[in-house]
C-alpha atoms as a PDB file:
ATOM      1  CA  UNK A   1       0.000   0.000   0.000  1.00  0.00           C
ATOM      2  CA  UNK A   2       1.377   3.422  -0.958  1.00  0.00           C
ATOM      3  CA  UNK A   3       1.952   6.342   1.412  1.00  0.00           C
ATOM      4  CA  UNK A   4      -0.925   8.139  -0.315  1.00  0.00           C
ATOM      5  CA  UNK A   5      -3.347   5.267   0.326  1.00  0.00           C
ATOM      6  CA  UNK A   6      -2.220   4.706   3.914  1.00  0.00           C
ATOM      7  CA  UNK A   7      -1.881   8.271   5.185  1.00  0.00           C
ATOM      8  CA  UNK A   8      -3.279  10.954   2.857  1.00  0.00           C
ATOM      9  CA  UNK A   9      -6.272   9.132   1.352  1.00  0.00           C
ATOM     10  CA  UNK A  10      -7.950   8.446   4.739  1.00  0.00           C
ATOM     11  CA  UNK A  11      -7.967  12.207   5.418  1.00  0.00           C
ATOM     12  CA  UNK A  12      -9.383  12.964   1.957  1.00  0.00           C
ATOM     13  CA  UNK A  13     -12.142  10.366   2.298  1.00  0.00           C
ATOM     14  CA  UNK A  14     -12.960  11.418   5.842  1.00  0.00           C
ATOM     15  CA  UNK A  15     -13.320  15.033   4.759  1.00  0.00           C
ATOM     16  CA  UNK A  16     -15.562  14.177   1.795  1.00  0.00           C
ATOM     17  CA  UNK A  17     -17.722  11.799   3.826  1.00  0.00           C
ATOM     18  CA  UNK A  18     -18.257  14.178   6.747  1.00  0.00           C
ATOM     19  CA  UNK A  19     -19.782  17.136   4.906  1.00  0.00           C
ATOM     20  CA  UNK A  20     -23.068  18.399   6.368  1.00  0.00           C
ATOM     21  CA  UNK A  21     -25.250  17.030   3.531  1.00  0.00           C
ATOM     22  CA  UNK A  22     -23.634  13.596   3.843  1.00  0.00           C
ATOM     23  CA  UNK A  23     -23.976  13.530   7.638  1.00  0.00           C
ATOM     24  CA  UNK A  24     -27.670  14.377   7.298  1.00  0.00           C
ATOM     25  CA  UNK A  25     -28.021  11.397   4.955  1.00  0.00           C
ATOM     26  CA  UNK A  26     -26.312   9.091   7.437  1.00  0.00           C
ATOM     27  CA  UNK A  27     -28.805  10.144  10.082  1.00  0.00           C
ATOM     28  CA  UNK A  28     -31.652   8.948   7.849  1.00  0.00           C
ATOM     29  CA  UNK A  29     -30.611   5.268   7.997  1.00  0.00           C
ATOM     30  CA  UNK A  30     -28.181   4.560  10.842  1.00  0.00           C
ATOM     31  CA  UNK A  31     -30.735   4.902  13.702  1.00  0.00           C
ATOM     32  CA  UNK A  32     -32.664   1.937  12.282  1.00  0.00           C
ATOM     33  CA  UNK A  33     -29.790  -0.499  12.910  1.00  0.00           C
ATOM     34  CA  UNK A  34     -30.463  -3.034  15.633  1.00  0.00           C
ATOM     35  CA  UNK A  35     -29.099  -6.173  17.230  1.00  0.00           C
ATOM     36  CA  UNK A  36     -25.819  -7.508  15.936  1.00  0.00           C
ATOM     37  CA  UNK A  37     -24.738  -5.020  13.300  1.00  0.00           C
ATOM     38  CA  UNK A  38     -22.242  -5.499  10.490  1.00  0.00           C
ATOM     39  CA  UNK A  39     -21.067  -2.125   9.214  1.00  0.00           C
ATOM     40  CA  UNK A  40     -19.274  -2.713   5.918  1.00  0.00           C
ATOM     41  CA  UNK A  41     -16.796   0.068   5.213  1.00  0.00           C
ATOM     42  CA  UNK A  42     -16.656   1.272   8.816  1.00  0.00           C
ATOM     43  CA  UNK A  43     -14.124   3.951   7.874  1.00  0.00           C
ATOM     44  CA  UNK A  44     -13.341   6.450  10.620  1.00  0.00           C
ATOM     45  CA  UNK A  45     -16.544   5.744  12.527  1.00  0.00           C
ATOM     46  CA  UNK A  46     -18.591   8.659  11.172  1.00  0.00           C
ATOM     47  CA  UNK A  47     -21.825   6.714  11.709  1.00  0.00           C
ATOM     48  CA  UNK A  48     -21.273   6.103  15.420  1.00  0.00           C
ATOM     49  CA  UNK A  49     -23.068   9.226  16.714  1.00  0.00           C
ATOM     50  CA  UNK A  50     -26.235   8.214  14.850  1.00  0.00           C
ATOM     51  CA  UNK A  51     -26.715   4.697  16.254  1.00  0.00           C
ATOM     52  CA  UNK A  52     -29.533   4.122  18.703  1.00  0.00           C
ATOM     53  CA  UNK A  53     -27.318   2.470  21.316  1.00  0.00           C
ATOM     54  CA  UNK A  54     -30.312   1.039  23.191  1.00  0.00           C
ATOM     55  CA  UNK A  55     -31.091  -1.158  20.181  1.00  0.00           C
ATOM     56  CA  UNK A  56     -27.561  -2.253  19.234  1.00  0.00           C
ATOM     57  CA  UNK A  57     -25.839  -5.236  20.859  1.00  0.00           C
ATOM     58  CA  UNK A  58     -22.474  -4.608  19.171  1.00  0.00           C
ATOM     59  CA  UNK A  59     -20.992  -3.704  15.799  1.00  0.00           C
ATOM     60  CA  UNK A  60     -18.716  -5.730  13.591  1.00  0.00           C
ATOM     61  CA  UNK A  61     -16.708  -2.989  11.904  1.00  0.00           C
ATOM     62  CA  UNK A  62     -15.418  -4.260   8.570  1.00  0.00           C
ATOM     63  CA  UNK A  63     -12.629  -1.947   7.439  1.00  0.00           C
ATOM     64  CA  UNK A  64      -9.588  -3.243   5.519  1.00  0.00           C
ATOM     65  CA  UNK A  65      -7.715   0.087   5.479  1.00  0.00           C
ATOM     66  CA  UNK A  66      -5.292   0.445   8.376  1.00  0.00           C
ATOM     67  CA  UNK A  67      -5.294   4.236   8.029  1.00  0.00           C
ATOM     68  CA  UNK A  68      -9.067   4.397   8.465  1.00  0.00           C
ATOM     69  CA  UNK A  69      -8.976   2.096  11.498  1.00  0.00           C
ATOM     70  CA  UNK A  70      -6.443   4.436  13.089  1.00  0.00           C
ATOM     71  CA  UNK A  71      -8.680   7.441  12.446  1.00  0.00           C
ATOM     72  CA  UNK A  72     -11.659   5.612  13.962  1.00  0.00           C
ATOM     73  CA  UNK A  73     -10.177   5.198  17.440  1.00  0.00           C
ATOM     74  CA  UNK A  74     -11.255   8.620  18.730  1.00  0.00           C
ATOM     75  CA  UNK A  75     -14.840   8.162  17.526  1.00  0.00           C
ATOM     76  CA  UNK A  76     -15.008   4.648  18.985  1.00  0.00           C
ATOM     77  CA  UNK A  77     -13.801   5.863  22.377  1.00  0.00           C
ATOM     78  CA  UNK A  78     -16.442   8.606  22.404  1.00  0.00           C
ATOM     79  CA  UNK A  79     -19.292   6.300  21.397  1.00  0.00           C
ATOM     80  CA  UNK A  80     -19.129   3.638  24.080  1.00  0.00           C
ATOM     81  CA  UNK A  81     -20.328   1.025  21.564  1.00  0.00           C
ATOM     82  CA  UNK A  82     -18.587  -2.346  21.482  1.00  0.00           C
ATOM     83  CA  UNK A  83     -16.744  -2.582  18.143  1.00  0.00           C
ATOM     84  CA  UNK A  84     -15.334  -5.873  16.880  1.00  0.00           C
ATOM     85  CA  UNK A  85     -12.878  -5.220  14.037  1.00  0.00           C
ATOM     86  CA  UNK A  86     -12.890  -7.220  10.824  1.00  0.00           C
ATOM     87  CA  UNK A  87      -9.935  -6.138   8.696  1.00  0.00           C
ATOM     88  CA  UNK A  88     -10.603  -8.164   5.549  1.00  0.00           C
ATOM     89  CA  UNK A  89     -12.117  -6.778   2.313  1.00  0.00           C
ATOM     90  CA  UNK A  90     -15.878  -6.758   1.880  1.00  0.00           C
ATOM     91  CA  UNK A  91     -15.628  -9.771  -0.418  1.00  0.00           C
ATOM     92  CA  UNK A  92     -14.351 -11.872   2.519  1.00  0.00           C
ATOM     93  CA  UNK A  93     -16.634 -11.639   5.552  1.00  0.00           C
ATOM     94  CA  UNK A  94     -15.371 -14.033   8.270  1.00  0.00           C
ATOM     95  CA  UNK A  95     -18.731 -14.524   9.992  1.00  0.00           C
ATOM     96  CA  UNK A  96     -21.110 -17.466  10.293  1.00  0.00           C
ATOM     97  CA  UNK A  97     -24.195 -17.865   8.135  1.00  0.00           C
ATOM     98  CA  UNK A  98     -27.289 -16.064   9.456  1.00  0.00           C
ATOM     99  CA  UNK A  99     -25.354 -14.343  12.251  1.00  0.00           C
ATOM    100  CA  UNK A 100     -26.133 -10.668  11.548  1.00  0.00           C
ATOM    101  CA  UNK A 101     -29.339  -8.763  12.343  1.00  0.00           C
ATOM    102  CA  UNK A 102     -28.517  -5.571  10.422  1.00  0.00           C
ATOM    103  CA  UNK A 103     -26.016  -4.749   7.693  1.00  0.00           C
ATOM    104  CA  UNK A 104     -25.162  -1.088   7.232  1.00  0.00           C
ATOM    105  CA  UNK A 105     -23.727   0.286   3.990  1.00  0.00           C
ATOM    106  CA  UNK A 106     -22.989   4.010   3.828  1.00  0.00           C
ATOM    107  CA  UNK A 107     -20.921   5.322   0.920  1.00  0.00           C
ATOM    108  CA  UNK A 108     -19.203   1.949   0.625  1.00  0.00           C
ATOM    109  CA  UNK A 109     -20.701  -0.083  -2.224  1.00  0.00           C
ATOM    110  CA  UNK A 110     -19.333   2.432  -4.712  1.00  0.00           C
ATOM    111  CA  UNK A 111     -15.785   1.381  -3.801  1.00  0.00           C
ATOM    112  CA  UNK A 112     -15.834  -2.413  -3.353  1.00  0.00           C
ATOM    113  CA  UNK A 113     -14.117  -3.862  -6.476  1.00  0.00           C
ATOM    114  CA  UNK A 114     -16.129  -7.091  -6.640  1.00  0.00           C
ATOM    115  CA  UNK A 115     -19.470  -5.770  -5.422  1.00  0.00           C
ATOM    116  CA  UNK A 116     -21.336  -8.912  -6.499  1.00  0.00           C
ATOM    117  CA  UNK A 117     -19.208 -11.250  -4.358  1.00  0.00           C
ATOM    118  CA  UNK A 118     -19.390  -8.793  -1.460  1.00  0.00           C
ATOM    119  CA  UNK A 119     -23.191  -8.638  -1.583  1.00  0.00           C
ATOM    120  CA  UNK A 120     -23.412 -12.427  -1.841  1.00  0.00           C
ATOM    121  CA  UNK A 121     -21.327 -12.602   1.336  1.00  0.00           C
ATOM    122  CA  UNK A 122     -23.596 -10.076   3.033  1.00  0.00           C
ATOM    123  CA  UNK A 123     -26.620 -12.130   2.036  1.00  0.00           C
ATOM    124  CA  UNK A 124     -24.962 -15.230   3.489  1.00  0.00           C
ATOM    125  CA  UNK A 125     -24.320 -13.711   6.930  1.00  0.00           C
ATOM    126  CA  UNK A 126     -27.609 -11.777   7.207  1.00  0.00           C
ATOM    127  CA  UNK A 127     -30.476 -13.450   9.039  1.00  0.00           C
ATOM    128  CA  UNK A 128     -33.551 -14.130   6.842  1.00  0.00           C
ATOM    129  CA  UNK A 129     -35.545 -11.502   8.745  1.00  0.00           C
ATOM    130  CA  UNK A 130     -32.599  -9.098   8.864  1.00  0.00           C
ATOM    131  CA  UNK A 131     -32.262  -5.788   7.035  1.00  0.00           C
ATOM    132  CA  UNK A 132     -29.614  -4.274   4.835  1.00  0.00           C
ATOM    133  CA  UNK A 133     -29.664  -0.505   5.401  1.00  0.00           C
ATOM    134  CA  UNK A 134     -28.026   1.542   2.675  1.00  0.00           C
ATOM    135  CA  UNK A 135     -27.154   5.136   1.925  1.00  0.00           C
ATOM    136  CA  UNK A 136     -25.020   5.371  -1.204  1.00  0.00           C
ATOM    137  CA  UNK A 137     -24.180   7.667  -4.075  1.00  0.00           C
ATOM    138  CA  UNK A 138     -24.174   6.414  -7.641  1.00  0.00           C
ATOM    139  CA  UNK A 139     -25.495   6.609 -11.159  1.00  0.00           C
ATOM    140  CA  UNK A 140     -27.625   9.696 -11.781  1.00  0.00           C
ATOM    141  CA  UNK A 141     -30.987   9.505 -13.596  1.00  0.00           C
ATOM    142  CA  UNK A 142     -30.246  12.445 -15.906  1.00  0.00           C
ATOM    143  CA  UNK A 143     -28.514  11.461 -19.133  1.00  0.00           C
ATOM    144  CA  UNK A 144     -26.299  14.564 -19.232  1.00  0.00           C
ATOM    145  CA  UNK A 145     -25.017  13.934 -15.699  1.00  0.00           C
ATOM    146  CA  UNK A 146     -24.655  10.229 -16.400  1.00  0.00           C
ATOM    147  CA  UNK A 147     -22.449  10.938 -19.423  1.00  0.00           C
ATOM    148  CA  UNK A 148     -20.181  13.140 -17.306  1.00  0.00           C
ATOM    149  CA  UNK A 149     -19.997  10.417 -14.668  1.00  0.00           C
ATOM    150  CA  UNK A 150     -18.821   7.957 -17.302  1.00  0.00           C
ATOM    151  CA  UNK A 151     -16.190  10.367 -18.623  1.00  0.00           C
ATOM    152  CA  UNK A 152     -14.790  11.340 -15.230  1.00  0.00           C
ATOM    153  CA  UNK A 153     -15.028   7.949 -13.501  1.00  0.00           C
ATOM    154  CA  UNK A 154     -11.664   6.452 -14.628  1.00  0.00           C
ATOM    155  CA  UNK A 155      -9.777   9.455 -13.244  1.00  0.00           C
ATOM    156  CA  UNK A 156     -11.957   9.803 -10.147  1.00  0.00           C
ATOM    157  CA  UNK A 157     -11.278   6.192  -9.140  1.00  0.00           C
ATOM    158  CA  UNK A 158      -7.534   6.782  -9.129  1.00  0.00           C
ATOM    159  CA  UNK A 159      -7.654   9.641  -6.625  1.00  0.00           C
ATOM    160  CA  UNK A 160     -10.682   8.535  -4.579  1.00  0.00           C
ATOM    161  CA  UNK A 161      -9.566   5.087  -3.440  1.00  0.00           C
ATOM    162  CA  UNK A 162     -11.458   3.142  -6.106  1.00  0.00           C
ATOM    163  CA  UNK A 163     -14.762   4.990  -5.668  1.00  0.00           C
ATOM    164  CA  UNK A 164     -17.079   4.729  -8.692  1.00  0.00           C
ATOM    165  CA  UNK A 165     -19.303   7.664  -9.576  1.00  0.00           C
ATOM    166  CA  UNK A 166     -21.655   5.689 -11.816  1.00  0.00           C
ATOM    167  CA  UNK A 167     -22.472   2.459 -10.002  1.00  0.00           C
ATOM    168  CA  UNK A 168     -26.205   1.684 -10.116  1.00  0.00           C
ATOM    169  CA  UNK A 169     -26.834   0.776  -6.485  1.00  0.00           C
ATOM    170  CA  UNK A 170     -30.437  -0.547  -6.748  1.00  0.00           C
ATOM    171  CA  UNK A 171     -29.433  -2.710  -9.694  1.00  0.00           C
ATOM    172  CA  UNK A 172     -26.474  -4.139  -7.748  1.00  0.00           C
ATOM    173  CA  UNK A 173     -28.736  -5.073  -4.833  1.00  0.00           C
ATOM    174  CA  UNK A 174     -31.417  -6.639  -7.007  1.00  0.00           C
ATOM    175  CA  UNK A 175     -28.930  -8.612  -9.109  1.00  0.00           C
ATOM    176  CA  UNK A 176     -27.700 -10.385  -5.972  1.00  0.00           C
ATOM    177  CA  UNK A 177     -31.148 -11.379  -4.723  1.00  0.00           C
ATOM    178  CA  UNK A 178     -32.038  -8.472  -2.460  1.00  0.00           C
ATOM    179  CA  UNK A 179     -35.472  -6.895  -2.620  1.00  0.00           C
ATOM    180  CA  UNK A 180     -35.606  -3.172  -1.979  1.00  0.00           C
ATOM    181  CA  UNK A 181     -38.422  -2.589   0.505  1.00  0.00           C
ATOM    182  CA  UNK A 182     -38.102   1.172   0.769  1.00  0.00           C
ATOM    183  CA  UNK A 183     -35.923   3.683  -1.085  1.00  0.00           C
ATOM    184  CA  UNK A 184     -35.676   7.413  -1.651  1.00  0.00           C
ATOM    185  CA  UNK A 185     -33.373   9.339  -3.979  1.00  0.00           C
ATOM    186  CA  UNK A 186     -32.149  12.897  -4.445  1.00  0.00           C
ATOM    187  CA  UNK A 187     -29.227  15.060  -5.466  1.00  0.00           C
ATOM    188  CA  UNK A 188     -27.463  16.309  -2.356  1.00  0.00           C
ATOM    189  CA  UNK A 189     -27.314  20.081  -1.961  1.00  0.00           C
ATOM    190  CA  UNK A 190     -23.928  21.831  -2.154  1.00  0.00           C
ATOM    191  CA  UNK A 191     -22.447  18.751  -3.853  1.00  0.00           C
ATOM    192  CA  UNK A 192     -21.300  18.351  -7.482  1.00  0.00           C
ATOM    193  CA  UNK A 193     -24.059  16.477  -9.285  1.00  0.00           C
ATOM    194  CA  UNK A 194     -21.691  13.888 -10.736  1.00  0.00           C
ATOM    195  CA  UNK A 195     -20.948  12.738  -7.167  1.00  0.00           C
ATOM    196  CA  UNK A 196     -24.134  13.818  -5.449  1.00  0.00           C
ATOM    197  CA  UNK A 197     -26.965  11.532  -6.516  1.00  0.00           C
ATOM    198  CA  UNK A 198     -27.991   9.523  -3.428  1.00  0.00           C
ATOM    199  CA  UNK A 199     -30.053   6.416  -2.819  1.00  0.00           C
ATOM    200  CA  UNK A 200     -31.106   5.452   0.709  1.00  0.00           C
ATOM    201  CA  UNK A 201     -33.451   2.912   2.258  1.00  0.00           C
ATOM    202  CA  UNK A 202     -33.405  -0.749   3.176  1.00  0.00           C
ATOM    203  CA  UNK A 203     -33.500  -4.146   1.521  1.00  0.00           C
ATOM    204  CA  UNK A 204     -34.053  -7.771   2.467  1.00  0.00           C
ATOM    205  CA  UNK A 205     -33.179 -10.881   0.519  1.00  0.00           C
ATOM    206  CA  UNK A 206     -35.767 -13.013  -1.187  1.00  0.00           C
END
């Protein structure tokens, strides 16, 4: 891993993912997590203030980036929530079948290289009655914005840790057997439209 990926990139990602519009989006889904939670792409722990601690037993924090795990320590200490680290990629979830009550994905699915394998793994560990909560950015509905996403995406990925601007999040979920039970979408205010189209809601698997 390069110095950029280990030291500078965590600061860049943390800054981008902690803007006021993005934090407001996090607050729309995180409070619904309950039981044993698997947060995929735990990052620096930006979601921790939004958990309803009375409903959460503990969190498996899946975060392969050492730099992000370092940045998370302050937020973990302030939260008081029991965090169990998983430091493997999202495609390799070392948990038993049907062991998770809630999976939380916030601004993560855009970055996982093999999203299909990762979602299959999430489906494997999620209990049949469990929920996958998501809040993600991705492919815009407007053709002009979509074309710009396609043009910029190869360069964006190089500087943004593999983040894809144009991943169709609902399509990814449905292709791996999840059923979207509730979803809303919008462009985030004060955010470039090529990176600001958001989907949020929850899904369960069929």
